Amino acid sequence: MGMFSKLNKVRTTVREGVDTNGMEFCKLENFAGTTVNVEGFFFTTAGKFGKQVVVVGNGALINMPKRAVEEFETIAADDDMLAAVLAGHLALTDIHKVTTKSGNETTVYSFTDC
C-alpha cells in the first residue's frame, strides 16, 4: 500500500442496513433516563455551530453536545472502536441534565459496552 493510499479510504460510520431517511433530528436531552443503542454516527458542519456529531440510535438522529465531537473523532479514527460501534456494541447510558459552573444546563452521558 502506498504512503498516501490511506487518504483514499472512505470510512463508514453507520451500520450497514440502517436507513436514516425519515429519521428525525432530536436533542440528546430527549433521551434522558433511557439507553441509546448506537447504530452509528456522522459529522456535520451545517449551521452556525461548526463541526457537530449526530448519533444514529433508537430510530432517531441525535444531535450531540459540542464536546462529543472529539470523542467520536477518536472512535472514527480507531479501527477497533469503529468496528465495535458498527457491530452494535456501544450504548449511551446515564443520560441526564446537569448545571454547569456557569449556570447553564447541559446533558451528560456515559459510554457503555454492550
PDB file of N, CA and C in Angstrom:
ATOM      1  N   MET A   1       0.853  -1.174   0.000  1.00  0.00           N
ATOM      2  CA  MET A   1       0.000   0.000   0.000  1.00  0.00           C
ATOM      3  C   MET A   1       0.895   1.232   0.000  1.00  0.00           C
ATOM      4  N   GLY A   2       0.563   2.197  -0.832  1.00  0.00           N
ATOM      5  CA  GLY A   2       1.354   3.419  -0.938  1.00  0.00           C
ATOM      6  C   GLY A   2       1.177   4.321   0.268  1.00  0.00           C
ATOM      7  N   MET A   3       2.103   5.238   0.384  1.00  0.00           N
ATOM      8  CA  MET A   3       2.115   6.139   1.533  1.00  0.00           C
ATOM      9  C   MET A   3       0.818   6.945   1.667  1.00  0.00           C
ATOM     10  N   PHE A   4       0.205   7.348   0.550  1.00  0.00           N
ATOM     11  CA  PHE A   4      -0.963   8.207   0.607  1.00  0.00           C
ATOM     12  C   PHE A   4      -2.282   7.464   0.408  1.00  0.00           C
ATOM     13  N   SER A   5      -2.219   6.168   0.188  1.00  0.00           N
ATOM     14  CA  SER A   5      -3.442   5.419  -0.107  1.00  0.00           C
ATOM     15  C   SER A   5      -4.440   5.448   1.046  1.00  0.00           C
ATOM     16  N   LYS A   6      -3.950   5.589   2.286  1.00  0.00           N
ATOM     17  CA  LYS A   6      -4.882   5.635   3.409  1.00  0.00           C
ATOM     18  C   LYS A   6      -5.777   6.871   3.358  1.00  0.00           C
ATOM     19  N   LEU A   7      -5.379   7.883   2.602  1.00  0.00           N
ATOM     20  CA  LEU A   7      -6.210   9.072   2.454  1.00  0.00           C
ATOM     21  C   LEU A   7      -7.430   8.799   1.580  1.00  0.00           C
ATOM     22  N   ASN A   8      -7.391   7.756   0.779  1.00  0.00           N
ATOM     23  CA  ASN A   8      -8.483   7.428  -0.119  1.00  0.00           C
ATOM     24  C   ASN A   8      -9.569   6.595   0.547  1.00  0.00           C
ATOM     25  N   LYS A   9      -9.347   6.162   1.748  1.00  0.00           N
ATOM     26  CA  LYS A   9     -10.278   5.275   2.426  1.00  0.00           C
ATOM     27  C   LYS A   9     -11.518   6.051   2.865  1.00  0.00           C
ATOM     28  N   VAL A  10     -12.670   5.569   2.436  1.00  0.00           N
ATOM     29  CA  VAL A  10     -13.932   6.132   2.896  1.00  0.00           C
ATOM     30  C   VAL A  10     -14.351   5.327   4.120  1.00  0.00           C
ATOM     31  N   ARG A  11     -14.553   6.001   5.229  1.00  0.00           N
ATOM     32  CA  ARG A  11     -14.896   5.321   6.470  1.00  0.00           C
ATOM     33  C   ARG A  11     -16.406   5.327   6.648  1.00  0.00           C
ATOM     34  N   THR A  12     -16.967   4.155   6.736  1.00  0.00           N
ATOM     35  CA  THR A  12     -18.387   4.028   7.013  1.00  0.00           C
ATOM     36  C   THR A  12     -18.568   4.100   8.517  1.00  0.00           C
ATOM     37  N   THR A  13     -19.431   5.002   8.967  1.00  0.00           N
ATOM     38  CA  THR A  13     -19.618   5.171  10.403  1.00  0.00           C
ATOM     39  C   THR A  13     -21.058   4.891  10.843  1.00  0.00           C
ATOM     40  N   VAL A  14     -21.876   4.356   9.931  1.00  0.00           N
ATOM     41  CA  VAL A  14     -23.238   3.940  10.273  1.00  0.00           C
ATOM     42  C   VAL A  14     -23.389   2.489   9.843  1.00  0.00           C
ATOM     43  N   ARG A  15     -23.954   1.669  10.726  1.00  0.00           N
ATOM     44  CA  ARG A  15     -24.105   0.238  10.464  1.00  0.00           C
ATOM     45  C   ARG A  15     -24.823  -0.003   9.143  1.00  0.00           C
ATOM     46  N   GLU A  16     -24.293  -0.955   8.382  1.00  0.00           N
ATOM     47  CA  GLU A  16     -24.891  -1.322   7.102  1.00  0.00           C
ATOM     48  C   GLU A  16     -26.336  -1.761   7.320  1.00  0.00           C
ATOM     49  N   GLY A  17     -27.212  -1.320   6.447  1.00  0.00           N
ATOM     50  CA  GLY A  17     -28.615  -1.687   6.530  1.00  0.00           C
ATOM     51  C   GLY A  17     -29.463  -0.717   7.334  1.00  0.00           C
ATOM     52  N   VAL A  18     -28.839   0.236   8.008  1.00  0.00           N
ATOM     53  CA  VAL A  18     -29.591   1.233   8.771  1.00  0.00           C
ATOM     54  C   VAL A  18     -29.963   2.366   7.816  1.00  0.00           C
ATOM     55  N   ASP A  19     -31.255   2.606   7.663  1.00  0.00           N
ATOM     56  CA  ASP A  19     -31.745   3.646   6.767  1.00  0.00           C
ATOM     57  C   ASP A  19     -32.090   4.880   7.588  1.00  0.00           C
ATOM     58  N   THR A  20     -31.341   5.950   7.403  1.00  0.00           N
ATOM     59  CA  THR A  20     -31.578   7.163   8.181  1.00  0.00           C
ATOM     60  C   THR A  20     -32.631   8.069   7.540  1.00  0.00           C
ATOM     61  N   ASN A  21     -33.072   7.730   6.327  1.00  0.00           N
ATOM     62  CA  ASN A  21     -34.136   8.515   5.693  1.00  0.00           C
ATOM     63  C   ASN A  21     -35.395   8.424   6.536  1.00  0.00           C
ATOM     64  N   GLY A  22     -35.996   9.551   6.776  1.00  0.00           N
ATOM     65  CA  GLY A  22     -37.222   9.572   7.566  1.00  0.00           C
ATOM     66  C   GLY A  22     -36.988   9.679   9.066  1.00  0.00           C
ATOM     67  N   MET A  23     -35.765   9.494   9.516  1.00  0.00           N
ATOM     68  CA  MET A  23     -35.477   9.672  10.945  1.00  0.00           C
ATOM     69  C   MET A  23     -35.466  11.165  11.242  1.00  0.00           C
ATOM     70  N   GLU A  24     -35.955  11.511  12.406  1.00  0.00           N
ATOM     71  CA  GLU A  24     -35.994  12.910  12.798  1.00  0.00           C
ATOM     72  C   GLU A  24     -34.799  13.263  13.668  1.00  0.00           C
ATOM     73  N   PHE A  25     -34.335  14.515  13.510  1.00  0.00           N
ATOM     74  CA  PHE A  25     -33.281  15.037  14.372  1.00  0.00           C
ATOM     75  C   PHE A  25     -33.906  15.409  15.714  1.00  0.00           C
ATOM     76  N   CYS A  26     -33.230  15.074  16.795  1.00  0.00           N
ATOM     77  CA  CYS A  26     -33.704  15.469  18.116  1.00  0.00           C
ATOM     78  C   CYS A  26     -32.510  15.682  19.030  1.00  0.00           C
ATOM     79  N   LYS A  27     -32.786  16.265  20.166  1.00  0.00           N
ATOM     80  CA  LYS A  27     -31.734  16.569  21.130  1.00  0.00           C
ATOM     81  C   LYS A  27     -31.473  15.364  22.027  1.00  0.00           C
ATOM     82  N   LEU A  28     -30.244  15.259  22.485  1.00  0.00           N
ATOM     83  CA  LEU A  28     -29.872  14.186  23.403  1.00  0.00           C
ATOM     84  C   LEU A  28     -30.740  14.224  24.659  1.00  0.00           C
ATOM     85  N   GLU A  29     -31.095  15.414  25.113  1.00  0.00           N
ATOM     86  CA  GLU A  29     -31.894  15.538  26.338  1.00  0.00           C
ATOM     87  C   GLU A  29     -33.231  14.796  26.249  1.00  0.00           C
ATOM     88  N   ASN A  30     -33.732  14.584  25.025  1.00  0.00           N
ATOM     89  CA  ASN A  30     -34.986  13.848  24.848  1.00  0.00           C
ATOM     90  C   ASN A  30     -34.859  12.392  25.289  1.00  0.00           C
ATOM     91  N   PHE A  31     -33.632  11.910  25.453  1.00  0.00           N
ATOM     92  CA  PHE A  31     -33.391  10.516  25.814  1.00  0.00           C
ATOM     93  C   PHE A  31     -32.950  10.357  27.270  1.00  0.00           C
ATOM     94  N   ALA A  32     -33.134  11.407  28.072  1.00  0.00           N
ATOM     95  CA  ALA A  32     -32.768  11.356  29.488  1.00  0.00           C
ATOM     96  C   ALA A  32     -33.461  10.174  30.150  1.00  0.00           C
ATOM     97  N   GLY A  33     -32.701   9.432  30.936  1.00  0.00           N
ATOM     98  CA  GLY A  33     -33.245   8.299  31.664  1.00  0.00           C
ATOM     99  C   GLY A  33     -33.369   7.027  30.840  1.00  0.00           C
ATOM    100  N   THR A  34     -32.932   7.058  29.580  1.00  0.00           N
ATOM    101  CA  THR A  34     -33.009   5.870  28.732  1.00  0.00           C
ATOM    102  C   THR A  34     -31.605   5.462  28.296  1.00  0.00           C
ATOM    103  N   THR A  35     -31.534   4.366  27.573  1.00  0.00           N
ATOM    104  CA  THR A  35     -30.298   3.919  26.951  1.00  0.00           C
ATOM    105  C   THR A  35     -30.441   4.092  25.449  1.00  0.00           C
ATOM    106  N   VAL A  36     -29.432   4.679  24.820  1.00  0.00           N
ATOM    107  CA  VAL A  36     -29.412   4.820  23.366  1.00  0.00           C
ATOM    108  C   VAL A  36     -28.461   3.774  22.806  1.00  0.00           C
ATOM    109  N   ASN A  37     -28.985   2.868  22.016  1.00  0.00           N
ATOM    110  CA  ASN A  37     -28.151   1.882  21.335  1.00  0.00           C
ATOM    111  C   ASN A  37     -27.625   2.531  20.060  1.00  0.00           C
ATOM    112  N   VAL A  38     -26.325   2.749  20.015  1.00  0.00           N
ATOM    113  CA  VAL A  38     -25.696   3.493  18.919  1.00  0.00           C
ATOM    114  C   VAL A  38     -25.535   2.586  17.703  1.00  0.00           C
ATOM    115  N   GLU A  39     -26.155   2.982  16.597  1.00  0.00           N
ATOM    116  CA  GLU A  39     -26.047   2.250  15.343  1.00  0.00           C
ATOM    117  C   GLU A  39     -25.062   2.925  14.391  1.00  0.00           C
ATOM    118  N   GLY A  40     -24.519   4.039  14.822  1.00  0.00           N
ATOM    119  CA  GLY A  40     -23.535   4.761  14.033  1.00  0.00           C
ATOM    120  C   GLY A  40     -23.575   6.234  14.368  1.00  0.00           C
ATOM    121  N   PHE A  41     -22.829   6.994  13.596  1.00  0.00           N
ATOM    122  CA  PHE A  41     -22.741   8.433  13.824  1.00  0.00           C
ATOM    123  C   PHE A  41     -22.195   9.072  12.560  1.00  0.00           C
ATOM    124  N   PHE A  42     -22.376  10.371  12.454  1.00  0.00           N
ATOM    125  CA  PHE A  42     -21.764  11.118  11.368  1.00  0.00           C
ATOM    126  C   PHE A  42     -21.534  12.543  11.823  1.00  0.00           C
ATOM    127  N   PHE A  43     -20.680  13.223  11.094  1.00  0.00           N
ATOM    128  CA  PHE A  43     -20.343  14.606  11.414  1.00  0.00           C
ATOM    129  C   PHE A  43     -21.025  15.531  10.416  1.00  0.00           C
ATOM    130  N   THR A  44     -21.366  16.702  10.873  1.00  0.00           N
ATOM    131  CA  THR A  44     -21.953  17.703  10.005  1.00  0.00           C
ATOM    132  C   THR A  44     -21.331  19.057  10.319  1.00  0.00           C
ATOM    133  N   THR A  45     -21.252  19.893   9.322  1.00  0.00           N
ATOM    134  CA  THR A  45     -20.760  21.257   9.528  1.00  0.00           C
ATOM    135  C   THR A  45     -21.844  22.259   9.149  1.00  0.00           C
ATOM    136  N   ALA A  46     -23.068  21.774   8.960  1.00  0.00           N
ATOM    137  CA  ALA A  46     -24.179  22.654   8.617  1.00  0.00           C
ATOM    138  C   ALA A  46     -24.502  23.553   9.807  1.00  0.00           C
ATOM    139  N   GLY A  47     -24.917  24.745   9.517  1.00  0.00           N
ATOM    140  CA  GLY A  47     -25.312  25.660  10.579  1.00  0.00           C
ATOM    141  C   GLY A  47     -24.167  26.509  11.064  1.00  0.00           C
ATOM    142  N   LYS A  48     -24.457  27.266  12.098  1.00  0.00           N
ATOM    143  CA  LYS A  48     -23.506  28.268  12.591  1.00  0.00           C
ATOM    144  C   LYS A  48     -22.625  27.777  13.734  1.00  0.00           C
ATOM    145  N   PHE A  49     -22.753  26.485  14.097  1.00  0.00           N
ATOM    146  CA  PHE A  49     -22.037  25.994  15.272  1.00  0.00           C
ATOM    147  C   PHE A  49     -20.772  25.222  14.950  1.00  0.00           C
ATOM    148  N   GLY A  50     -20.365  25.164  13.681  1.00  0.00           N
ATOM    149  CA  GLY A  50     -19.172  24.428  13.315  1.00  0.00           C
ATOM    150  C   GLY A  50     -19.429  22.938  13.283  1.00  0.00           C
ATOM    151  N   LYS A  51     -18.380  22.170  13.442  1.00  0.00           N
ATOM    152  CA  LYS A  51     -18.487  20.717  13.356  1.00  0.00           C
ATOM    153  C   LYS A  51     -19.299  20.163  14.520  1.00  0.00           C
ATOM    154  N   GLN A  52     -20.274  19.330  14.191  1.00  0.00           N
ATOM    155  CA  GLN A  52     -21.135  18.681  15.175  1.00  0.00           C
ATOM    156  C   GLN A  52     -21.149  17.188  14.883  1.00  0.00           C
ATOM    157  N   VAL A  53     -21.515  16.399  15.866  1.00  0.00           N
ATOM    158  CA  VAL A  53     -21.677  14.959  15.659  1.00  0.00           C
ATOM    159  C   VAL A  53     -23.138  14.598  15.921  1.00  0.00           C
ATOM    160  N   VAL A  54     -23.638  13.708  15.073  1.00  0.00           N
ATOM    161  CA  VAL A  54     -25.003  13.212  15.182  1.00  0.00           C
ATOM    162  C   VAL A  54     -24.919  11.703  15.366  1.00  0.00           C
ATOM    163  N   VAL A  55     -25.550  11.206  16.423  1.00  0.00           N
ATOM    164  CA  VAL A  55     -25.584   9.764  16.689  1.00  0.00           C
ATOM    165  C   VAL A  55     -26.860   9.196  16.093  1.00  0.00           C
ATOM    166  N   VAL A  56     -26.721   8.063  15.417  1.00  0.00           N
ATOM    167  CA  VAL A  56     -27.876   7.331  14.897  1.00  0.00           C
ATOM    168  C   VAL A  56     -28.202   6.259  15.923  1.00  0.00           C
ATOM    169  N   GLY A  57     -29.389   6.347  16.501  1.00  0.00           N
ATOM    170  CA  GLY A  57     -29.767   5.362  17.502  1.00  0.00           C
ATOM    171  C   GLY A  57     -31.210   5.503  17.926  1.00  0.00           C
ATOM    172  N   ASN A  58     -31.799   4.412  18.359  1.00  0.00           N
ATOM    173  CA  ASN A  58     -33.176   4.393  18.838  1.00  0.00           C
ATOM    174  C   ASN A  58     -34.139   5.009  17.824  1.00  0.00           C
ATOM    175  N   GLY A  59     -33.843   4.812  16.541  1.00  0.00           N
ATOM    176  CA  GLY A  59     -34.727   5.302  15.490  1.00  0.00           C
ATOM    177  C   GLY A  59     -34.673   6.795  15.252  1.00  0.00           C
ATOM    178  N   ALA A  60     -33.629   7.450  15.750  1.00  0.00           N
ATOM    179  CA  ALA A  60     -33.533   8.907  15.644  1.00  0.00           C
ATOM    180  C   ALA A  60     -32.117   9.341  15.279  1.00  0.00           C
ATOM    181  N   LEU A  61     -32.009  10.569  14.834  1.00  0.00           N
ATOM    182  CA  LEU A  61     -30.730  11.240  14.598  1.00  0.00           C
ATOM    183  C   LEU A  61     -30.545  12.198  15.765  1.00  0.00           C
ATOM    184  N   ILE A  62     -29.612  11.893  16.641  1.00  0.00           N
ATOM    185  CA  ILE A  62     -29.482  12.595  17.915  1.00  0.00           C
ATOM    186  C   ILE A  62     -28.333  13.592  17.846  1.00  0.00           C
ATOM    187  N   ASN A  63     -28.682  14.870  17.961  1.00  0.00           N
ATOM    188  CA  ASN A  63     -27.681  15.927  17.994  1.00  0.00           C
ATOM    189  C   ASN A  63     -26.961  15.868  19.333  1.00  0.00           C
ATOM    190  N   MET A  64     -25.657  15.682  19.258  1.00  0.00           N
ATOM    191  CA  MET A  64     -24.856  15.540  20.461  1.00  0.00           C
ATOM    192  C   MET A  64     -24.256  16.885  20.861  1.00  0.00           C
ATOM    193  N   PRO A  65     -23.892  17.042  22.140  1.00  0.00           N
ATOM    194  CA  PRO A  65     -23.235  18.266  22.586  1.00  0.00           C
ATOM    195  C   PRO A  65     -21.903  18.468  21.855  1.00  0.00           C
ATOM    196  N   LYS A  66     -21.475  19.695  21.738  1.00  0.00           N
ATOM    197  CA  LYS A  66     -20.241  20.053  21.027  1.00  0.00           C
ATOM    198  C   LYS A  66     -19.044  19.247  21.539  1.00  0.00           C
ATOM    199  N   ARG A  67     -18.993  19.005  22.823  1.00  0.00           N
ATOM    200  CA  ARG A  67     -17.842  18.286  23.399  1.00  0.00           C
ATOM    201  C   ARG A  67     -17.743  16.849  22.897  1.00  0.00           C
ATOM    202  N   ALA A  68     -18.812  16.308  22.313  1.00  0.00           N
ATOM    203  CA  ALA A  68     -18.812  14.931  21.823  1.00  0.00           C
ATOM    204  C   ALA A  68     -18.036  14.775  20.520  1.00  0.00           C
ATOM    205  N   VAL A  69     -17.783  15.874  19.812  1.00  0.00           N
ATOM    206  CA  VAL A  69     -17.085  15.788  18.517  1.00  0.00           C
ATOM    207  C   VAL A  69     -15.740  15.096  18.685  1.00  0.00           C
ATOM    208  N   GLU A  70     -14.949  15.521  19.647  1.00  0.00           N
ATOM    209  CA  GLU A  70     -13.618  14.933  19.839  1.00  0.00           C
ATOM    210  C   GLU A  70     -13.713  13.450  20.197  1.00  0.00           C
ATOM    211  N   GLU A  71     -14.698  13.081  21.027  1.00  0.00           N
ATOM    212  CA  GLU A  71     -14.864  11.678  21.410  1.00  0.00           C
ATOM    213  C   GLU A  71     -15.174  10.814  20.186  1.00  0.00           C
ATOM    214  N   PHE A  72     -16.080  11.286  19.343  1.00  0.00           N
ATOM    215  CA  PHE A  72     -16.458  10.491  18.174  1.00  0.00           C
ATOM    216  C   PHE A  72     -15.402  10.558  17.072  1.00  0.00           C
ATOM    217  N   GLU A  73     -14.603  11.613  17.017  1.00  0.00           N
ATOM    218  CA  GLU A  73     -13.460  11.629  16.096  1.00  0.00           C
ATOM    219  C   GLU A  73     -12.475  10.545  16.503  1.00  0.00           C
ATOM    220  N   THR A  74     -12.290  10.349  17.800  1.00  0.00           N
ATOM    221  CA  THR A  74     -11.409   9.294  18.310  1.00  0.00           C
ATOM    222  C   THR A  74     -11.932   7.925  17.898  1.00  0.00           C
ATOM    223  N   ILE A  75     -13.244   7.714  18.034  1.00  0.00           N
ATOM    224  CA  ILE A  75     -13.843   6.436  17.630  1.00  0.00           C
ATOM    225  C   ILE A  75     -13.654   6.221  16.132  1.00  0.00           C
ATOM    226  N   ALA A  76     -13.913   7.247  15.329  1.00  0.00           N
ATOM    227  CA  ALA A  76     -13.823   7.128  13.869  1.00  0.00           C
ATOM    228  C   ALA A  76     -12.402   6.795  13.421  1.00  0.00           C
ATOM    229  N   ALA A  77     -11.413   7.262  14.159  1.00  0.00           N
ATOM    230  CA  ALA A  77     -10.017   7.053  13.781  1.00  0.00           C
ATOM    231  C   ALA A  77      -9.459   5.717  14.265  1.00  0.00           C
ATOM    232  N   ASP A  78     -10.177   5.026  15.133  1.00  0.00           N
ATOM    233  CA  ASP A  78      -9.700   3.775  15.715  1.00  0.00           C
ATOM    234  C   ASP A  78     -10.480   2.608  15.104  1.00  0.00           C
ATOM    235  N   ASP A  79      -9.805   1.782  14.324  1.00  0.00           N
ATOM    236  CA  ASP A  79     -10.472   0.679  13.620  1.00  0.00           C
ATOM    237  C   ASP A  79     -11.237  -0.247  14.562  1.00  0.00           C
ATOM    238  N   ASP A  80     -10.669  -0.570  15.716  1.00  0.00           N
ATOM    239  CA  ASP A  80     -11.324  -1.489  16.645  1.00  0.00           C
ATOM    240  C   ASP A  80     -12.572  -0.873  17.264  1.00  0.00           C
ATOM    241  N   MET A  81     -12.476   0.386  17.691  1.00  0.00           N
ATOM    242  CA  MET A  81     -13.637   1.046  18.278  1.00  0.00           C
ATOM    243  C   MET A  81     -14.745   1.221  17.244  1.00  0.00           C
ATOM    244  N   LEU A  82     -14.378   1.620  16.032  1.00  0.00           N
ATOM    245  CA  LEU A  82     -15.375   1.805  14.982  1.00  0.00           C
ATOM    246  C   LEU A  82     -16.059   0.479  14.646  1.00  0.00           C
ATOM    247  N   ALA A  83     -15.285  -0.591  14.554  1.00  0.00           N
ATOM    248  CA  ALA A  83     -15.859  -1.913  14.280  1.00  0.00           C
ATOM    249  C   ALA A  83     -16.834  -2.312  15.384  1.00  0.00           C
ATOM    250  N   ALA A  84     -16.508  -1.999  16.630  1.00  0.00           N
ATOM    251  CA  ALA A  84     -17.394  -2.318  17.749  1.00  0.00           C
ATOM    252  C   ALA A  84     -18.703  -1.528  17.640  1.00  0.00           C
ATOM    253  N   VAL A  85     -18.622  -0.265  17.271  1.00  0.00           N
ATOM    254  CA  VAL A  85     -19.839   0.538  17.076  1.00  0.00           C
ATOM    255  C   VAL A  85     -20.696  -0.077  15.978  1.00  0.00           C
ATOM    256  N   LEU A  86     -20.073  -0.399  14.853  1.00  0.00           N
ATOM    257  CA  LEU A  86     -20.813  -0.933  13.710  1.00  0.00           C
ATOM    258  C   LEU A  86     -21.385  -2.322  13.990  1.00  0.00           C
ATOM    259  N   ALA A  87     -20.816  -3.017  14.976  1.00  0.00           N
ATOM    260  CA  ALA A  87     -21.325  -4.331  15.372  1.00  0.00           C
ATOM    261  C   ALA A  87     -22.398  -4.221  16.467  1.00  0.00           C
ATOM    262  N   GLY A  88     -22.701  -2.980  16.882  1.00  0.00           N
ATOM    263  CA  GLY A  88     -23.752  -2.775  17.881  1.00  0.00           C
ATOM    264  C   GLY A  88     -23.303  -2.890  19.321  1.00  0.00           C
ATOM    265  N   HIS A  89     -22.033  -2.626  19.579  1.00  0.00           N
ATOM    266  CA  HIS A  89     -21.502  -2.799  20.928  1.00  0.00           C
ATOM    267  C   HIS A  89     -21.323  -1.505  21.714  1.00  0.00           C
ATOM    268  N   LEU A  90     -21.978  -0.417  21.290  1.00  0.00           N
ATOM    269  CA  LEU A  90     -21.869   0.850  22.027  1.00  0.00           C
ATOM    270  C   LEU A  90     -23.260   1.349  22.370  1.00  0.00           C
ATOM    271  N   ALA A  91     -23.400   1.790  23.612  1.00  0.00           N
ATOM    272  CA  ALA A  91     -24.639   2.427  24.049  1.00  0.00           C
ATOM    273  C   ALA A  91     -24.280   3.683  24.842  1.00  0.00           C
ATOM    274  N   LEU A  92     -25.179   4.641  24.784  1.00  0.00           N
ATOM    275  CA  LEU A  92     -25.065   5.827  25.633  1.00  0.00           C
ATOM    276  C   LEU A  92     -26.023   5.616  26.796  1.00  0.00           C
ATOM    277  N   THR A  93     -25.498   5.724  28.009  1.00  0.00           N
ATOM    278  CA  THR A  93     -26.296   5.482  29.211  1.00  0.00           C
ATOM    279  C   THR A  93     -26.147   6.655  30.166  1.00  0.00           C
ATOM    280  N   ASP A  94     -26.862   6.588  31.274  1.00  0.00           N
ATOM    281  CA  ASP A  94     -26.798   7.612  32.320  1.00  0.00           C
ATOM    282  C   ASP A  94     -26.976   9.016  31.718  1.00  0.00           C
ATOM    283  N   ILE A  95     -27.926   9.149  30.814  1.00  0.00           N
ATOM    284  CA  ILE A  95     -28.190  10.427  30.149  1.00  0.00           C
ATOM    285  C   ILE A  95     -29.038  11.286  31.080  1.00  0.00           C
ATOM    286  N   HIS A  96     -28.502  12.446  31.441  1.00  0.00           N
ATOM    287  CA  HIS A  96     -29.248  13.358  32.310  1.00  0.00           C
ATOM    288  C   HIS A  96     -28.692  14.770  32.215  1.00  0.00           C
ATOM    289  N   LYS A  97     -29.482  15.720  32.678  1.00  0.00           N
ATOM    290  CA  LYS A  97     -29.066  17.130  32.647  1.00  0.00           C
ATOM    291  C   LYS A  97     -28.311  17.477  33.918  1.00  0.00           C
ATOM    292  N   VAL A  98     -27.330  18.360  33.757  1.00  0.00           N
ATOM    293  CA  VAL A  98     -26.605  18.914  34.896  1.00  0.00           C
ATOM    294  C   VAL A  98     -26.452  20.416  34.669  1.00  0.00           C
ATOM    295  N   THR A  99     -26.232  21.119  35.749  1.00  0.00           N
ATOM    296  CA  THR A  99     -25.977  22.554  35.657  1.00  0.00           C
ATOM    297  C   THR A  99     -24.475  22.774  35.712  1.00  0.00           C
ATOM    298  N   THR A 100     -23.952  23.530  34.748  1.00  0.00           N
ATOM    299  CA  THR A 100     -22.519  23.796  34.689  1.00  0.00           C
ATOM    300  C   THR A 100     -22.136  24.876  35.696  1.00  0.00           C
ATOM    301  N   LYS A 101     -20.846  25.078  35.877  1.00  0.00           N
ATOM    302  CA  LYS A 101     -20.356  26.114  36.785  1.00  0.00           C
ATOM    303  C   LYS A 101     -20.852  27.498  36.380  1.00  0.00           C
ATOM    304  N   SER A 102     -21.044  27.690  35.060  1.00  0.00           N
ATOM    305  CA  SER A 102     -21.504  28.997  34.581  1.00  0.00           C
ATOM    306  C   SER A 102     -23.018  29.164  34.711  1.00  0.00           C
ATOM    307  N   GLY A 103     -23.706  28.118  35.192  1.00  0.00           N
ATOM    308  CA  GLY A 103     -25.142  28.214  35.401  1.00  0.00           C
ATOM    309  C   GLY A 103     -25.988  27.715  34.245  1.00  0.00           C
ATOM    310  N   ASN A 104     -25.350  27.292  33.161  1.00  0.00           N
ATOM    311  CA  ASN A 104     -26.101  26.739  32.028  1.00  0.00           C
ATOM    312  C   ASN A 104     -26.412  25.270  32.277  1.00  0.00           C
ATOM    313  N   GLU A 105     -27.442  24.770  31.604  1.00  0.00           N
ATOM    314  CA  GLU A 105     -27.742  23.348  31.679  1.00  0.00           C
ATOM    315  C   GLU A 105     -27.145  22.642  30.478  1.00  0.00           C
ATOM    316  N   THR A 106     -26.627  21.447  30.704  1.00  0.00           N
ATOM    317  CA  THR A 106     -26.118  20.621  29.620  1.00  0.00           C
ATOM    318  C   THR A 106     -26.527  19.176  29.899  1.00  0.00           C
ATOM    319  N   THR A 107     -26.529  18.384  28.870  1.00  0.00           N
ATOM    320  CA  THR A 107     -26.876  16.977  29.020  1.00  0.00           C
ATOM    321  C   THR A 107     -25.597  16.158  28.987  1.00  0.00           C
ATOM    322  N   VAL A 108     -25.435  15.278  29.963  1.00  0.00           N
ATOM    323  CA  VAL A 108     -24.251  14.419  30.044  1.00  0.00           C
ATOM    324  C   VAL A 108     -24.673  12.975  29.795  1.00  0.00           C
ATOM    325  N   TYR A 109     -23.694  12.129  29.558  1.00  0.00           N
ATOM    326  CA  TYR A 109     -23.934  10.728  29.213  1.00  0.00           C
ATOM    327  C   TYR A 109     -22.677   9.941  29.493  1.00  0.00           C
ATOM    328  N   SER A 110     -22.820   8.625  29.505  1.00  0.00           N
ATOM    329  CA  SER A 110     -21.678   7.735  29.644  1.00  0.00           C
ATOM    330  C   SER A 110     -21.666   6.776  28.462  1.00  0.00           C
ATOM    331  N   PHE A 111     -20.476   6.356  28.067  1.00  0.00           N
ATOM    332  CA  PHE A 111     -20.316   5.322  27.046  1.00  0.00           C
ATOM    333  C   PHE A 111     -20.339   3.963  27.745  1.00  0.00           C
ATOM    334  N   THR A 112     -21.076   3.002  27.192  1.00  0.00           N
ATOM    335  CA  THR A 112     -21.166   1.674  27.788  1.00  0.00           C
ATOM    336  C   THR A 112     -21.000   0.627  26.689  1.00  0.00           C
ATOM    337  N   ASP A 113     -20.189  -0.378  26.963  1.00  0.00           N
ATOM    338  CA  ASP A 113     -20.087  -1.517  26.052  1.00  0.00           C
ATOM    339  C   ASP A 113     -21.343  -2.368  26.205  1.00  0.00           C
ATOM    340  N   CYS A 114     -21.840  -2.880  25.104  1.00  0.00           N
ATOM    341  CA  CYS A 114     -22.996  -3.773  25.199  1.00  0.00           C
ATOM    342  C   CYS A 114     -22.873  -4.886  24.177  1.00  0.00           C
TER     343      CYS A 114
END
